[in-house]
Amino acid sequence: MYEIIKKTLIFICMFIFIIYPIKIDAQNININDLILNPKKFNHQIISVKGEAIGEALKRDKHGWVNIKDSTNAIGIYMRNEDIKRINVYGGYNKIGDTLEVEGVYNKACSEHMGDTDIHAIKIDIIEGGTTIEPDVPSYKILIAVGLIMISFSINYILYKKHK
């Protein structure tokens, strides 16, 4: 009887470890590590942190949001409800919301024609995004105004010369 219980417990433990993906400590994972070591992280539950960039690509009940950290960028496949929580996407004059994403990493997702992506399980918005006012140095404005005046002067001289 003891042997049957022992074998059953071993089988259950093995079943749990095989069926459920192993969660890897997220604090050491950056997006570039995922891209450079795809076999190591494939089908693993991982966690990454990055800025939402570009715009959301919604499809039916799910969509993609690209996030970038200091090393690289990757697409996150998530529910539209999670996409709606993102207020600011990074771009030229914006810093996007900072997201912490926990999900399953796919080096070649069979559901999405071989794309590398992360299927989100949990999304947390750590910090809201902001708009950046471009800081144009005054000397650049003076140079631009001066070049415009020179262009108008040359055009005026050429116009009078050909008239």
N, C-alpha and C. Protein backbone atom coordinates (compact mmCIF):
# COMPACT_ATOMS: atom_id res chain seq x y z
N MET A 1 0.82 -1.20 0.00
CA MET A 1 0.00 0.00 0.00
C MET A 1 0.87 1.26 0.00
N TYR A 2 1.92 1.24 0.83
CA TYR A 2 2.84 2.37 0.91
C TYR A 2 3.49 2.65 -0.45
N GLU A 3 3.85 1.62 -1.19
CA GLU A 3 4.46 1.75 -2.50
C GLU A 3 3.51 2.41 -3.50
N ILE A 4 2.25 2.06 -3.46
CA ILE A 4 1.26 2.65 -4.37
C ILE A 4 1.11 4.14 -4.09
N ILE A 5 1.02 4.50 -2.83
CA ILE A 5 0.89 5.92 -2.46
C ILE A 5 2.15 6.68 -2.89
N LYS A 6 3.30 6.10 -2.65
CA LYS A 6 4.57 6.72 -3.02
C LYS A 6 4.65 6.94 -4.53
N LYS A 7 4.31 5.93 -5.31
CA LYS A 7 4.34 6.05 -6.77
C LYS A 7 3.31 7.06 -7.27
N THR A 8 2.15 7.10 -6.64
CA THR A 8 1.11 8.06 -7.02
C THR A 8 1.59 9.48 -6.75
N LEU A 9 2.18 9.73 -5.60
CA LEU A 9 2.69 11.06 -5.28
C LEU A 9 3.79 11.47 -6.24
N ILE A 10 4.68 10.56 -6.56
CA ILE A 10 5.75 10.86 -7.52
C ILE A 10 5.15 11.18 -8.88
N PHE A 11 4.16 10.42 -9.31
CA PHE A 11 3.51 10.67 -10.59
C PHE A 11 2.84 12.04 -10.60
N ILE A 12 2.13 12.38 -9.53
CA ILE A 12 1.45 13.68 -9.45
C ILE A 12 2.47 14.82 -9.50
N CYS A 13 3.55 14.70 -8.77
CA CYS A 13 4.59 15.73 -8.79
C CYS A 13 5.19 15.88 -10.18
N MET A 14 5.50 14.78 -10.82
CA MET A 14 6.06 14.84 -12.17
C MET A 14 5.05 15.46 -13.14
N PHE A 15 3.80 15.09 -12.99
CA PHE A 15 2.74 15.62 -13.85
C PHE A 15 2.65 17.14 -13.70
N ILE A 16 2.70 17.63 -12.47
CA ILE A 16 2.61 19.07 -12.22
C ILE A 16 3.79 19.79 -12.84
N PHE A 17 5.01 19.27 -12.68
CA PHE A 17 6.19 19.94 -13.21
C PHE A 17 6.24 19.90 -14.74
N ILE A 18 5.68 18.87 -15.33
CA ILE A 18 5.70 18.78 -16.80
C ILE A 18 4.60 19.65 -17.41
N ILE A 19 3.41 19.63 -16.83
CA ILE A 19 2.28 20.34 -17.40
C ILE A 19 2.40 21.85 -17.20
N TYR A 20 2.76 22.28 -16.01
CA TYR A 20 2.85 23.71 -15.73
C TYR A 20 4.22 24.23 -16.08
N PRO A 21 4.27 25.31 -16.90
CA PRO A 21 5.57 25.88 -17.24
C PRO A 21 6.28 26.40 -15.99
N ILE A 22 7.57 26.40 -16.05
CA ILE A 22 8.37 26.87 -14.93
C ILE A 22 8.47 28.39 -15.01
N LYS A 23 8.23 29.07 -13.90
CA LYS A 23 8.36 30.52 -13.87
C LYS A 23 9.81 30.87 -13.56
N ILE A 24 10.38 31.73 -14.40
CA ILE A 24 11.76 32.14 -14.22
C ILE A 24 11.76 33.51 -13.55
N ASP A 25 12.69 33.75 -12.65
CA ASP A 25 12.79 35.02 -11.93
C ASP A 25 12.89 36.16 -12.93
N ALA A 26 11.94 37.07 -12.88
CA ALA A 26 11.82 38.11 -13.88
C ALA A 26 12.84 39.23 -13.72
N GLN A 27 13.40 39.38 -12.57
CA GLN A 27 14.24 40.53 -12.33
C GLN A 27 15.52 40.51 -13.16
N ASN A 28 15.93 39.36 -13.62
CA ASN A 28 17.15 39.27 -14.40
C ASN A 28 16.88 39.17 -15.90
N ILE A 29 15.62 39.19 -16.30
CA ILE A 29 15.30 39.01 -17.72
C ILE A 29 15.06 40.36 -18.37
N ASN A 30 15.83 40.64 -19.41
CA ASN A 30 15.50 41.77 -20.25
C ASN A 30 15.13 41.22 -21.63
N ILE A 31 14.56 42.06 -22.45
CA ILE A 31 14.01 41.59 -23.72
C ILE A 31 15.12 41.04 -24.62
N ASN A 32 16.29 41.66 -24.58
CA ASN A 32 17.38 41.17 -25.41
C ASN A 32 17.80 39.76 -25.02
N ASP A 33 17.76 39.43 -23.73
CA ASP A 33 18.06 38.06 -23.31
C ASP A 33 17.08 37.06 -23.93
N LEU A 34 15.81 37.46 -24.02
CA LEU A 34 14.80 36.60 -24.65
C LEU A 34 15.13 36.38 -26.13
N ILE A 35 15.50 37.45 -26.81
CA ILE A 35 15.78 37.37 -28.24
C ILE A 35 17.05 36.56 -28.51
N LEU A 36 18.07 36.75 -27.68
CA LEU A 36 19.35 36.06 -27.91
C LEU A 36 19.37 34.62 -27.42
N ASN A 37 18.48 34.26 -26.48
CA ASN A 37 18.44 32.90 -25.93
C ASN A 37 17.02 32.32 -26.02
N PRO A 38 16.46 32.24 -27.21
CA PRO A 38 15.06 31.83 -27.32
C PRO A 38 14.77 30.42 -26.82
N LYS A 39 15.70 29.49 -27.02
CA LYS A 39 15.46 28.11 -26.58
C LYS A 39 15.39 28.02 -25.06
N LYS A 40 16.17 28.83 -24.38
CA LYS A 40 16.22 28.80 -22.92
C LYS A 40 14.88 29.21 -22.31
N PHE A 41 14.19 30.18 -22.94
CA PHE A 41 12.97 30.73 -22.37
C PHE A 41 11.70 30.26 -23.07
N ASN A 42 11.82 29.50 -24.17
CA ASN A 42 10.65 29.11 -24.96
C ASN A 42 9.62 28.36 -24.11
N HIS A 43 8.38 28.79 -24.21
CA HIS A 43 7.23 28.21 -23.49
C HIS A 43 7.34 28.32 -21.97
N GLN A 44 8.17 29.23 -21.51
CA GLN A 44 8.32 29.48 -20.08
C GLN A 44 7.46 30.67 -19.68
N ILE A 45 6.99 30.67 -18.45
CA ILE A 45 6.33 31.86 -17.91
C ILE A 45 7.42 32.79 -17.45
N ILE A 46 7.46 33.97 -18.06
CA ILE A 46 8.50 34.95 -17.73
C ILE A 46 7.82 36.27 -17.39
N SER A 47 8.61 37.21 -16.92
CA SER A 47 8.11 38.54 -16.62
C SER A 47 9.12 39.55 -17.14
N VAL A 48 8.61 40.54 -17.87
CA VAL A 48 9.46 41.60 -18.40
C VAL A 48 8.82 42.94 -18.07
N LYS A 49 9.65 43.96 -18.07
CA LYS A 49 9.16 45.31 -17.80
C LYS A 49 9.62 46.20 -18.93
N GLY A 50 8.71 47.06 -19.42
CA GLY A 50 9.09 47.96 -20.49
C GLY A 50 8.04 49.00 -20.77
N GLU A 51 8.39 49.93 -21.65
CA GLU A 51 7.52 51.04 -22.04
C GLU A 51 6.65 50.63 -23.22
N ALA A 52 5.34 50.90 -23.12
CA ALA A 52 4.43 50.66 -24.24
C ALA A 52 4.76 51.67 -25.34
N ILE A 53 4.97 51.17 -26.57
CA ILE A 53 5.37 52.06 -27.67
C ILE A 53 4.45 51.85 -28.87
N GLY A 54 4.48 52.82 -29.77
CA GLY A 54 3.72 52.71 -31.01
C GLY A 54 2.24 52.85 -30.77
N GLU A 55 1.49 51.84 -31.18
CA GLU A 55 0.04 51.82 -30.95
C GLU A 55 -0.41 50.38 -30.85
N ALA A 56 -1.58 50.19 -30.26
CA ALA A 56 -2.13 48.84 -30.10
C ALA A 56 -2.69 48.34 -31.43
N LEU A 57 -2.52 47.06 -31.69
CA LEU A 57 -3.11 46.41 -32.86
C LEU A 57 -4.18 45.45 -32.36
N LYS A 58 -5.43 45.91 -32.36
CA LYS A 58 -6.52 45.10 -31.80
C LYS A 58 -7.09 44.16 -32.86
N ARG A 59 -7.38 42.93 -32.43
CA ARG A 59 -8.02 41.92 -33.26
C ARG A 59 -9.02 41.19 -32.38
N ASP A 60 -10.29 41.23 -32.74
CA ASP A 60 -11.34 40.55 -31.99
C ASP A 60 -11.25 40.87 -30.50
N LYS A 61 -11.01 39.86 -29.67
CA LYS A 61 -10.96 40.06 -28.22
C LYS A 61 -9.55 40.25 -27.68
N HIS A 62 -8.55 40.14 -28.57
CA HIS A 62 -7.16 40.28 -28.18
C HIS A 62 -6.44 41.23 -29.13
N GLY A 63 -5.23 41.57 -28.78
CA GLY A 63 -4.42 42.42 -29.64
C GLY A 63 -2.97 42.40 -29.20
N TRP A 64 -2.16 43.18 -29.89
CA TRP A 64 -0.73 43.24 -29.60
C TRP A 64 -0.36 44.65 -29.18
N VAL A 65 0.53 44.72 -28.23
CA VAL A 65 1.15 45.98 -27.82
C VAL A 65 2.65 45.71 -27.78
N ASN A 66 3.42 46.58 -28.40
CA ASN A 66 4.87 46.44 -28.34
C ASN A 66 5.38 47.16 -27.10
N ILE A 67 6.33 46.51 -26.42
CA ILE A 67 7.00 47.18 -25.31
C ILE A 67 8.49 47.13 -25.57
N LYS A 68 9.19 48.13 -25.03
CA LYS A 68 10.64 48.15 -25.15
C LYS A 68 11.25 48.45 -23.80
N ASP A 69 12.40 47.82 -23.57
CA ASP A 69 13.19 48.18 -22.40
C ASP A 69 14.47 48.82 -22.93
N SER A 70 15.49 48.90 -22.13
CA SER A 70 16.72 49.56 -22.57
C SER A 70 17.50 48.72 -23.58
N THR A 71 17.06 47.46 -23.82
CA THR A 71 17.85 46.58 -24.69
C THR A 71 17.18 46.24 -26.02
N ASN A 72 15.85 46.13 -26.06
CA ASN A 72 15.17 45.69 -27.27
C ASN A 72 13.68 45.88 -27.11
N ALA A 73 12.91 45.39 -28.07
CA ALA A 73 11.44 45.48 -28.02
C ALA A 73 10.84 44.13 -28.41
N ILE A 74 9.59 43.90 -27.95
CA ILE A 74 8.90 42.64 -28.27
C ILE A 74 7.39 42.89 -28.24
N GLY A 75 6.65 42.08 -29.00
CA GLY A 75 5.20 42.18 -29.03
C GLY A 75 4.58 41.37 -27.90
N ILE A 76 3.58 41.96 -27.27
CA ILE A 76 2.84 41.30 -26.20
C ILE A 76 1.42 41.08 -26.68
N TYR A 77 0.98 39.83 -26.67
CA TYR A 77 -0.38 39.47 -27.06
C TYR A 77 -1.23 39.48 -25.79
N MET A 78 -2.27 40.34 -25.77
CA MET A 78 -3.06 40.50 -24.55
C MET A 78 -4.53 40.75 -24.86
N ARG A 79 -5.35 40.68 -23.83
CA ARG A 79 -6.78 40.92 -23.98
C ARG A 79 -7.03 42.41 -24.25
N ASN A 80 -8.09 42.71 -24.98
CA ASN A 80 -8.43 44.11 -25.26
C ASN A 80 -8.73 44.88 -23.98
N GLU A 81 -9.22 44.21 -22.95
CA GLU A 81 -9.47 44.89 -21.66
C GLU A 81 -8.17 45.43 -21.09
N ASP A 82 -7.09 44.66 -21.25
CA ASP A 82 -5.79 45.12 -20.77
C ASP A 82 -5.25 46.26 -21.64
N ILE A 83 -5.50 46.17 -22.93
CA ILE A 83 -5.05 47.23 -23.84
C ILE A 83 -5.71 48.56 -23.48
N LYS A 84 -7.00 48.52 -23.13
CA LYS A 84 -7.72 49.75 -22.79
C LYS A 84 -7.16 50.44 -21.55
N ARG A 85 -6.46 49.70 -20.69
CA ARG A 85 -5.88 50.29 -19.48
C ARG A 85 -4.64 51.13 -19.78
N ILE A 86 -4.05 50.94 -20.96
CA ILE A 86 -2.85 51.69 -21.33
C ILE A 86 -3.28 53.06 -21.86
N ASN A 87 -2.78 54.11 -21.23
CA ASN A 87 -3.19 55.47 -21.61
C ASN A 87 -2.24 56.15 -22.58
N VAL A 88 -0.94 55.93 -22.42
CA VAL A 88 0.04 56.64 -23.24
C VAL A 88 0.99 55.63 -23.88
N TYR A 89 1.17 55.76 -25.20
CA TYR A 89 2.13 54.95 -25.94
C TYR A 89 3.31 55.84 -26.30
N GLY A 90 4.50 55.30 -26.14
CA GLY A 90 5.71 56.08 -26.42
C GLY A 90 5.86 56.37 -27.90
N GLY A 91 6.45 57.50 -28.18
CA GLY A 91 6.72 57.94 -29.54
C GLY A 91 7.71 59.08 -29.50
N TYR A 92 7.69 59.92 -30.53
CA TYR A 92 8.66 61.00 -30.65
C TYR A 92 8.65 61.94 -29.44
N ASN A 93 7.48 62.40 -29.04
CA ASN A 93 7.42 63.36 -27.94
C ASN A 93 6.68 62.80 -26.72
N LYS A 94 6.64 61.48 -26.60
CA LYS A 94 5.95 60.86 -25.48
C LYS A 94 6.76 59.71 -24.90
N ILE A 95 6.66 59.56 -23.59
CA ILE A 95 7.18 58.37 -22.92
C ILE A 95 5.95 57.56 -22.54
N GLY A 96 5.87 56.32 -23.01
CA GLY A 96 4.68 55.50 -22.80
C GLY A 96 4.58 54.97 -21.38
N ASP A 97 3.40 54.43 -21.06
CA ASP A 97 3.19 53.79 -19.77
C ASP A 97 4.20 52.66 -19.59
N THR A 98 4.71 52.50 -18.39
CA THR A 98 5.62 51.40 -18.08
C THR A 98 4.81 50.21 -17.61
N LEU A 99 4.96 49.08 -18.29
CA LEU A 99 4.19 47.88 -17.99
C LEU A 99 5.10 46.79 -17.43
N GLU A 100 4.55 46.01 -16.52
CA GLU A 100 5.20 44.78 -16.11
C GLU A 100 4.30 43.66 -16.59
N VAL A 101 4.83 42.82 -17.44
CA VAL A 101 4.05 41.78 -18.10
C VAL A 101 4.55 40.41 -17.66
N GLU A 102 3.63 39.60 -17.21
CA GLU A 102 3.93 38.20 -16.92
C GLU A 102 3.18 37.38 -17.97
N GLY A 103 3.90 36.48 -18.63
CA GLY A 103 3.25 35.70 -19.66
C GLY A 103 4.15 34.59 -20.17
N VAL A 104 3.64 33.89 -21.18
CA VAL A 104 4.36 32.76 -21.78
C VAL A 104 5.11 33.27 -23.00
N TYR A 105 6.44 33.09 -22.99
CA TYR A 105 7.30 33.50 -24.09
C TYR A 105 7.27 32.43 -25.18
N ASN A 106 7.12 32.88 -26.43
CA ASN A 106 7.13 31.97 -27.58
C ASN A 106 8.19 32.45 -28.57
N LYS A 107 9.19 31.62 -28.81
CA LYS A 107 10.21 32.02 -29.78
C LYS A 107 9.65 32.01 -31.20
N ALA A 108 8.71 31.11 -31.48
CA ALA A 108 8.05 31.04 -32.78
C ALA A 108 6.61 30.59 -32.53
N CYS A 109 5.74 31.54 -32.28
CA CYS A 109 4.37 31.24 -31.86
C CYS A 109 3.60 30.55 -32.99
N SER A 110 3.11 29.35 -32.71
CA SER A 110 2.35 28.60 -33.71
C SER A 110 0.99 29.25 -33.97
N GLU A 111 0.49 29.97 -33.02
CA GLU A 111 -0.81 30.65 -33.16
C GLU A 111 -0.70 31.91 -34.02
N HIS A 112 0.49 32.50 -34.09
CA HIS A 112 0.68 33.77 -34.80
C HIS A 112 1.74 33.67 -35.89
N MET A 113 1.69 32.62 -36.66
CA MET A 113 2.51 32.42 -37.86
C MET A 113 4.01 32.53 -37.59
N GLY A 114 4.46 32.02 -36.45
CA GLY A 114 5.89 31.97 -36.18
C GLY A 114 6.50 33.22 -35.59
N ASP A 115 5.68 34.21 -35.25
CA ASP A 115 6.22 35.43 -34.64
C ASP A 115 6.73 35.14 -33.23
N THR A 116 7.75 35.88 -32.84
CA THR A 116 8.21 35.84 -31.46
C THR A 116 7.32 36.77 -30.65
N ASP A 117 6.75 36.25 -29.57
CA ASP A 117 5.87 37.09 -28.76
C ASP A 117 5.76 36.57 -27.34
N ILE A 118 5.03 37.31 -26.54
CA ILE A 118 4.70 36.90 -25.18
C ILE A 118 3.20 36.94 -25.06
N HIS A 119 2.59 35.84 -24.64
CA HIS A 119 1.15 35.79 -24.40
C HIS A 119 0.93 36.17 -22.94
N ALA A 120 0.36 37.36 -22.74
CA ALA A 120 0.24 37.92 -21.40
C ALA A 120 -0.75 37.13 -20.54
N ILE A 121 -0.35 36.90 -19.31
CA ILE A 121 -1.22 36.32 -18.29
C ILE A 121 -1.65 37.42 -17.34
N LYS A 122 -0.70 38.29 -17.01
CA LYS A 122 -0.95 39.37 -16.06
C LYS A 122 -0.23 40.62 -16.52
N ILE A 123 -0.94 41.75 -16.47
CA ILE A 123 -0.36 43.03 -16.87
C ILE A 123 -0.54 44.01 -15.72
N ASP A 124 0.55 44.65 -15.32
CA ASP A 124 0.49 45.71 -14.32
C ASP A 124 1.06 46.97 -14.93
N ILE A 125 0.36 48.09 -14.75
CA ILE A 125 0.88 49.38 -15.18
C ILE A 125 1.61 49.97 -13.98
N ILE A 126 2.93 50.02 -14.08
CA ILE A 126 3.76 50.47 -12.96
C ILE A 126 3.82 51.99 -12.88
N GLU A 127 3.89 52.63 -14.05
CA GLU A 127 4.03 54.08 -14.08
C GLU A 127 3.35 54.61 -15.33
N GLY A 128 2.64 55.71 -15.18
CA GLY A 128 1.96 56.33 -16.31
C GLY A 128 2.95 57.05 -17.21
N GLY A 129 2.59 57.20 -18.46
CA GLY A 129 3.44 57.88 -19.43
C GLY A 129 3.28 59.39 -19.36
N THR A 130 4.15 60.09 -20.06
CA THR A 130 4.12 61.55 -20.08
C THR A 130 4.42 62.08 -21.47
N THR A 131 4.07 63.33 -21.66
CA THR A 131 4.42 64.03 -22.90
C THR A 131 5.68 64.84 -22.64
N ILE A 132 6.57 64.83 -23.60
CA ILE A 132 7.83 65.56 -23.49
C ILE A 132 7.78 66.78 -24.39
N GLU A 133 8.04 67.92 -23.82
CA GLU A 133 8.13 69.13 -24.63
C GLU A 133 9.52 69.19 -25.24
N PRO A 134 9.60 69.28 -26.57
CA PRO A 134 10.93 69.32 -27.18
C PRO A 134 11.67 70.60 -26.77
N ASP A 135 12.92 70.45 -26.42
CA ASP A 135 13.74 71.57 -26.02
C ASP A 135 14.63 71.95 -27.20
N VAL A 136 14.25 73.01 -27.91
CA VAL A 136 15.02 73.46 -29.07
C VAL A 136 15.93 74.58 -28.61
N PRO A 137 17.24 74.40 -28.73
CA PRO A 137 18.17 75.46 -28.33
C PRO A 137 17.96 76.73 -29.15
N SER A 138 18.14 77.88 -28.51
CA SER A 138 17.87 79.16 -29.18
C SER A 138 18.79 79.38 -30.39
N TYR A 139 20.02 78.86 -30.34
CA TYR A 139 20.92 79.06 -31.48
C TYR A 139 20.38 78.36 -32.74
N LYS A 140 19.68 77.24 -32.57
CA LYS A 140 19.11 76.56 -33.73
C LYS A 140 17.97 77.38 -34.33
N ILE A 141 17.21 78.05 -33.51
CA ILE A 141 16.13 78.91 -34.01
C ILE A 141 16.73 80.09 -34.77
N LEU A 142 17.79 80.69 -34.23
CA LEU A 142 18.45 81.81 -34.91
C LEU A 142 19.04 81.37 -36.25
N ILE A 143 19.66 80.21 -36.29
CA ILE A 143 20.22 79.70 -37.55
C ILE A 143 19.10 79.47 -38.57
N ALA A 144 17.98 78.89 -38.14
CA ALA A 144 16.86 78.64 -39.05
C ALA A 144 16.31 79.95 -39.60
N VAL A 145 16.11 80.94 -38.74
CA VAL A 145 15.60 82.24 -39.19
C VAL A 145 16.59 82.89 -40.15
N GLY A 146 17.87 82.81 -39.84
CA GLY A 146 18.89 83.39 -40.72
C GLY A 146 18.89 82.72 -42.09
N LEU A 147 18.81 81.39 -42.13
CA LEU A 147 18.79 80.68 -43.42
C LEU A 147 17.54 81.00 -44.23
N ILE A 148 16.42 81.17 -43.55
CA ILE A 148 15.19 81.54 -44.26
C ILE A 148 15.35 82.93 -44.87
N MET A 149 15.93 83.86 -44.12
CA MET A 149 16.13 85.22 -44.66
C MET A 149 17.08 85.20 -45.85
N ILE A 150 18.15 84.42 -45.76
CA ILE A 150 19.09 84.31 -46.88
C ILE A 150 18.39 83.71 -48.10
N SER A 151 17.55 82.68 -47.90
CA SER A 151 16.82 82.06 -49.01
C SER A 151 15.89 83.05 -49.68
N PHE A 152 15.13 83.82 -48.89
CA PHE A 152 14.24 84.82 -49.46
C PHE A 152 15.03 85.89 -50.20
N SER A 153 16.16 86.30 -49.66
CA SER A 153 16.99 87.32 -50.32
C SER A 153 17.49 86.82 -51.67
N ILE A 154 18.01 85.59 -51.70
CA ILE A 154 18.51 85.03 -52.96
C ILE A 154 17.37 84.89 -53.97
N ASN A 155 16.23 84.41 -53.54
CA ASN A 155 15.07 84.29 -54.44
C ASN A 155 14.63 85.65 -54.96
N TYR A 156 14.64 86.66 -54.12
CA TYR A 156 14.24 88.01 -54.54
C TYR A 156 15.22 88.56 -55.57
N ILE A 157 16.52 88.36 -55.32
CA ILE A 157 17.54 88.83 -56.26
C ILE A 157 17.39 88.12 -57.60
N LEU A 158 17.21 86.81 -57.59
CA LEU A 158 17.05 86.05 -58.84
C LEU A 158 15.78 86.46 -59.56
N TYR A 159 14.72 86.75 -58.82
CA TYR A 159 13.45 87.14 -59.42
C TYR A 159 13.61 88.50 -60.12
N LYS A 160 14.25 89.44 -59.44
CA LYS A 160 14.48 90.78 -60.03
C LYS A 160 15.42 90.69 -61.24
N LYS A 161 16.42 89.82 -61.18
CA LYS A 161 17.39 89.68 -62.25
C LYS A 161 16.75 89.15 -63.52
N HIS A 162 15.81 88.21 -63.38
CA HIS A 162 15.16 87.59 -64.55
C HIS A 162 13.96 88.38 -65.04
N LYS A 163 13.57 89.40 -64.37
CA LYS A 163 12.38 90.17 -64.73
C LYS A 163 12.66 91.17 -65.77
